[in-house]
């Protein structure tokens, strides 16, 4: 059954590899593209102001062109890019698991559709890593030690 198949780790790994191959192809060929993604897995650093964030849909299209294209990177399981939002062009680094990409589009035409979903524990892992890295960053400054409870 399709629903069972798309949950298998092997299928997820194949889909992730295919998405990464397509992204590498776009970058190598300087081809702007669109990412239709599941916003549930997207993080913004710094976080978007509430009036901007509340206007984003559950499934959001990011156009990767211009400076956003130049800033685009991906690693083993995550992609990153800088983008401006709202009338004030509020700058934020957008990151998401590669499997949060639902479609890749070129000139408004879908050229890849992803049926796999990020692992269920991805969001929890990102939150744990973020808390850990924030704490490490906080503790790396000796001035901040005075704020710790003894």
C-alpha atoms as a PDB file:
ATOM      1  CA  UNK A   1       0.000   0.000   0.000  1.00  0.00           C
ATOM      2  CA  UNK A   2       1.278   3.484  -0.888  1.00  0.00           C
ATOM      3  CA  UNK A   3       0.782   4.916   2.608  1.00  0.00           C
ATOM      4  CA  UNK A   4       2.975   2.184   4.110  1.00  0.00           C
ATOM      5  CA  UNK A   5       5.644   2.501   1.420  1.00  0.00           C
ATOM      6  CA  UNK A   6       6.181   6.265   1.817  1.00  0.00           C
ATOM      7  CA  UNK A   7       6.783   5.811   5.556  1.00  0.00           C
ATOM      8  CA  UNK A   8       9.720   3.425   5.056  1.00  0.00           C
ATOM      9  CA  UNK A   9      13.155   4.806   5.813  1.00  0.00           C
ATOM     10  CA  UNK A  10      14.520   3.442   2.525  1.00  0.00           C
ATOM     11  CA  UNK A  11      11.901   5.415   0.561  1.00  0.00           C
ATOM     12  CA  UNK A  12      12.632   8.549   2.607  1.00  0.00           C
ATOM     13  CA  UNK A  13      16.362   8.213   1.921  1.00  0.00           C
ATOM     14  CA  UNK A  14      15.801   7.763  -1.833  1.00  0.00           C
ATOM     15  CA  UNK A  15      13.493  10.777  -1.979  1.00  0.00           C
ATOM     16  CA  UNK A  16      15.912  12.922   0.032  1.00  0.00           C
ATOM     17  CA  UNK A  17      18.783  11.939  -2.294  1.00  0.00           C
ATOM     18  CA  UNK A  18      16.659  12.817  -5.340  1.00  0.00           C
ATOM     19  CA  UNK A  19      15.732  16.225  -3.908  1.00  0.00           C
ATOM     20  CA  UNK A  20      19.400  16.944  -3.096  1.00  0.00           C
ATOM     21  CA  UNK A  21      20.414  15.959  -6.642  1.00  0.00           C
ATOM     22  CA  UNK A  22      17.818  18.336  -8.093  1.00  0.00           C
ATOM     23  CA  UNK A  23      18.890  21.174  -5.768  1.00  0.00           C
ATOM     24  CA  UNK A  24      22.553  20.653  -6.709  1.00  0.00           C
ATOM     25  CA  UNK A  25      21.577  20.704 -10.399  1.00  0.00           C
ATOM     26  CA  UNK A  26      19.689  23.998  -9.972  1.00  0.00           C
ATOM     27  CA  UNK A  27      22.584  25.594  -8.104  1.00  0.00           C
ATOM     28  CA  UNK A  28      25.223  24.393 -10.577  1.00  0.00           C
ATOM     29  CA  UNK A  29      23.154  25.679 -13.502  1.00  0.00           C
ATOM     30  CA  UNK A  30      22.144  28.932 -11.782  1.00  0.00           C
ATOM     31  CA  UNK A  31      18.485  28.024 -12.239  1.00  0.00           C
ATOM     32  CA  UNK A  32      16.081  29.917  -9.934  1.00  0.00           C
ATOM     33  CA  UNK A  33      13.386  27.667  -8.525  1.00  0.00           C
ATOM     34  CA  UNK A  34      10.483  27.457  -6.131  1.00  0.00           C
ATOM     35  CA  UNK A  35      10.187  25.338  -2.990  1.00  0.00           C
ATOM     36  CA  UNK A  36       6.702  24.393  -1.896  1.00  0.00           C
ATOM     37  CA  UNK A  37       7.112  23.214   1.672  1.00  0.00           C
ATOM     38  CA  UNK A  38       5.348  22.133   4.817  1.00  0.00           C
ATOM     39  CA  UNK A  39       5.695  25.138   7.148  1.00  0.00           C
ATOM     40  CA  UNK A  40       5.366  22.889  10.215  1.00  0.00           C
ATOM     41  CA  UNK A  41       9.041  21.952   9.824  1.00  0.00           C
ATOM     42  CA  UNK A  42      10.396  25.407   8.882  1.00  0.00           C
ATOM     43  CA  UNK A  43      12.390  27.532  11.311  1.00  0.00           C
ATOM     44  CA  UNK A  44      13.197  31.226  10.985  1.00  0.00           C
ATOM     45  CA  UNK A  45      16.245  32.831  12.608  1.00  0.00           C
ATOM     46  CA  UNK A  46      15.466  35.408  13.815  1.00  0.00           C
ATOM     47  CA  UNK A  47      11.809  34.469  14.223  1.00  0.00           C
ATOM     48  CA  UNK A  48       9.402  36.355  11.988  1.00  0.00           C
ATOM     49  CA  UNK A  49       7.327  39.128  13.545  1.00  0.00           C
ATOM     50  CA  UNK A  50       3.848  37.867  14.415  1.00  0.00           C
ATOM     51  CA  UNK A  51       2.115  40.000  11.756  1.00  0.00           C
ATOM     52  CA  UNK A  52       4.269  38.384   9.052  1.00  0.00           C
ATOM     53  CA  UNK A  53       4.268  34.818  10.409  1.00  0.00           C
ATOM     54  CA  UNK A  54       0.511  34.653  10.767  1.00  0.00           C
ATOM     55  CA  UNK A  55       0.119  35.432   7.041  1.00  0.00           C
ATOM     56  CA  UNK A  56       2.107  32.377   5.952  1.00  0.00           C
ATOM     57  CA  UNK A  57       0.092  29.347   4.902  1.00  0.00           C
ATOM     58  CA  UNK A  58       0.574  25.814   6.244  1.00  0.00           C
ATOM     59  CA  UNK A  59       1.963  24.974   2.809  1.00  0.00           C
ATOM     60  CA  UNK A  60       4.167  27.854   1.657  1.00  0.00           C
ATOM     61  CA  UNK A  61       5.992  28.607  -1.567  1.00  0.00           C
ATOM     62  CA  UNK A  62       9.455  30.160  -1.330  1.00  0.00           C
ATOM     63  CA  UNK A  63      10.930  31.525  -4.550  1.00  0.00           C
ATOM     64  CA  UNK A  64      14.678  30.920  -4.601  1.00  0.00           C
ATOM     65  CA  UNK A  65      16.083  33.682  -6.802  1.00  0.00           C
ATOM     66  CA  UNK A  66      18.442  36.676  -6.488  1.00  0.00           C
ATOM     67  CA  UNK A  67      20.080  37.012  -3.092  1.00  0.00           C
ATOM     68  CA  UNK A  68      17.993  34.134  -1.720  1.00  0.00           C
ATOM     69  CA  UNK A  69      19.450  31.913  -4.460  1.00  0.00           C
ATOM     70  CA  UNK A  70      22.989  33.100  -3.691  1.00  0.00           C
ATOM     71  CA  UNK A  71      22.546  32.312   0.013  1.00  0.00           C
ATOM     72  CA  UNK A  72      21.004  28.867  -0.596  1.00  0.00           C
ATOM     73  CA  UNK A  73      22.880  25.910   0.927  1.00  0.00           C
ATOM     74  CA  UNK A  74      22.091  22.383   2.026  1.00  0.00           C
ATOM     75  CA  UNK A  75      23.834  19.701   4.003  1.00  0.00           C
ATOM     76  CA  UNK A  76      23.067  16.066   4.675  1.00  0.00           C
ATOM     77  CA  UNK A  77      19.472  16.552   5.843  1.00  0.00           C
ATOM     78  CA  UNK A  78      18.756  20.301   6.006  1.00  0.00           C
ATOM     79  CA  UNK A  79      18.530  23.242   3.634  1.00  0.00           C
ATOM     80  CA  UNK A  80      19.118  26.910   4.479  1.00  0.00           C
ATOM     81  CA  UNK A  81      18.629  30.262   2.772  1.00  0.00           C
ATOM     82  CA  UNK A  82      18.238  33.907   3.662  1.00  0.00           C
ATOM     83  CA  UNK A  83      15.074  35.714   2.679  1.00  0.00           C
ATOM     84  CA  UNK A  84      13.221  38.970   3.258  1.00  0.00           C
ATOM     85  CA  UNK A  85       9.595  38.984   4.407  1.00  0.00           C
ATOM     86  CA  UNK A  86       6.821  41.546   4.441  1.00  0.00           C
ATOM     87  CA  UNK A  87       6.768  45.153   3.283  1.00  0.00           C
ATOM     88  CA  UNK A  88       9.813  45.950   5.430  1.00  0.00           C
ATOM     89  CA  UNK A  89      11.754  43.027   3.872  1.00  0.00           C
ATOM     90  CA  UNK A  90      12.429  41.557   7.349  1.00  0.00           C
ATOM     91  CA  UNK A  91      15.521  39.366   6.971  1.00  0.00           C
ATOM     92  CA  UNK A  92      15.626  35.847   8.356  1.00  0.00           C
ATOM     93  CA  UNK A  93      17.527  32.613   7.744  1.00  0.00           C
ATOM     94  CA  UNK A  94      15.072  29.917   6.749  1.00  0.00           C
ATOM     95  CA  UNK A  95      15.937  26.290   7.485  1.00  0.00           C
ATOM     96  CA  UNK A  96      14.039  23.045   7.086  1.00  0.00           C
ATOM     97  CA  UNK A  97      14.650  19.346   6.635  1.00  0.00           C
ATOM     98  CA  UNK A  98      15.054  18.455   2.979  1.00  0.00           C
ATOM     99  CA  UNK A  99      12.054  16.131   3.250  1.00  0.00           C
ATOM    100  CA  UNK A 100       9.847  19.105   4.224  1.00  0.00           C
ATOM    101  CA  UNK A 101      10.013  20.079   0.533  1.00  0.00           C
ATOM    102  CA  UNK A 102       6.732  19.005  -1.043  1.00  0.00           C
ATOM    103  CA  UNK A 103       7.485  20.214  -4.574  1.00  0.00           C
ATOM    104  CA  UNK A 104      10.286  21.798  -6.571  1.00  0.00           C
ATOM    105  CA  UNK A 105       9.096  24.169  -9.271  1.00  0.00           C
ATOM    106  CA  UNK A 106      10.747  25.880 -12.216  1.00  0.00           C
ATOM    107  CA  UNK A 107       8.833  28.702 -13.900  1.00  0.00           C
ATOM    108  CA  UNK A 108       5.686  27.732 -11.957  1.00  0.00           C
ATOM    109  CA  UNK A 109       5.841  24.134 -13.211  1.00  0.00           C
ATOM    110  CA  UNK A 110       6.270  21.331 -10.656  1.00  0.00           C
ATOM    111  CA  UNK A 111       9.227  19.177 -11.676  1.00  0.00           C
ATOM    112  CA  UNK A 112       9.507  17.116  -8.494  1.00  0.00           C
ATOM    113  CA  UNK A 113       6.825  15.966  -6.081  1.00  0.00           C
ATOM    114  CA  UNK A 114       7.900  14.528  -2.741  1.00  0.00           C
ATOM    115  CA  UNK A 115       5.623  11.973  -1.101  1.00  0.00           C
ATOM    116  CA  UNK A 116       7.976  11.256   1.838  1.00  0.00           C
ATOM    117  CA  UNK A 117       7.800  13.181   5.085  1.00  0.00           C
ATOM    118  CA  UNK A 118      10.487  14.130   7.579  1.00  0.00           C
ATOM    119  CA  UNK A 119      11.074  11.626  10.350  1.00  0.00           C
ATOM    120  CA  UNK A 120       8.585  12.056  13.182  1.00  0.00           C
ATOM    121  CA  UNK A 121      11.283  12.982  15.685  1.00  0.00           C
ATOM    122  CA  UNK A 122      12.899  15.652  13.464  1.00  0.00           C
ATOM    123  CA  UNK A 123      11.061  18.586  15.042  1.00  0.00           C
ATOM    124  CA  UNK A 124      11.901  17.373  18.564  1.00  0.00           C
ATOM    125  CA  UNK A 125      15.566  16.878  17.615  1.00  0.00           C
ATOM    126  CA  UNK A 126      15.803  20.413  16.183  1.00  0.00           C
ATOM    127  CA  UNK A 127      14.256  21.850  19.337  1.00  0.00           C
ATOM    128  CA  UNK A 128      16.641  19.867  21.573  1.00  0.00           C
ATOM    129  CA  UNK A 129      19.661  20.877  19.462  1.00  0.00           C
ATOM    130  CA  UNK A 130      18.521  24.501  19.492  1.00  0.00           C
ATOM    131  CA  UNK A 131      18.158  24.558  23.276  1.00  0.00           C
ATOM    132  CA  UNK A 132      21.535  22.859  23.689  1.00  0.00           C
ATOM    133  CA  UNK A 133      23.306  25.252  21.301  1.00  0.00           C
ATOM    134  CA  UNK A 134      21.600  28.275  22.888  1.00  0.00           C
ATOM    135  CA  UNK A 135      22.724  27.175  26.336  1.00  0.00           C
ATOM    136  CA  UNK A 136      26.273  26.501  25.106  1.00  0.00           C
ATOM    137  CA  UNK A 137      26.342  29.918  23.463  1.00  0.00           C
ATOM    138  CA  UNK A 138      25.037  31.561  26.629  1.00  0.00           C
ATOM    139  CA  UNK A 139      27.598  29.775  28.826  1.00  0.00           C
ATOM    140  CA  UNK A 140      30.506  30.543  26.498  1.00  0.00           C
ATOM    141  CA  UNK A 141      30.363  34.173  27.643  1.00  0.00           C
ATOM    142  CA  UNK A 142      31.846  34.395  31.177  1.00  0.00           C
ATOM    143  CA  UNK A 143      29.690  37.479  31.852  1.00  0.00           C
ATOM    144  CA  UNK A 144      26.555  35.316  31.625  1.00  0.00           C
ATOM    145  CA  UNK A 145      27.601  32.961  34.422  1.00  0.00           C
ATOM    146  CA  UNK A 146      26.346  35.486  36.960  1.00  0.00           C
ATOM    147  CA  UNK A 147      22.773  34.761  35.766  1.00  0.00           C
ATOM    148  CA  UNK A 148      22.944  31.057  36.692  1.00  0.00           C
ATOM    149  CA  UNK A 149      21.222  29.948  39.864  1.00  0.00           C
ATOM    150  CA  UNK A 150      23.527  28.268  42.325  1.00  0.00           C
END
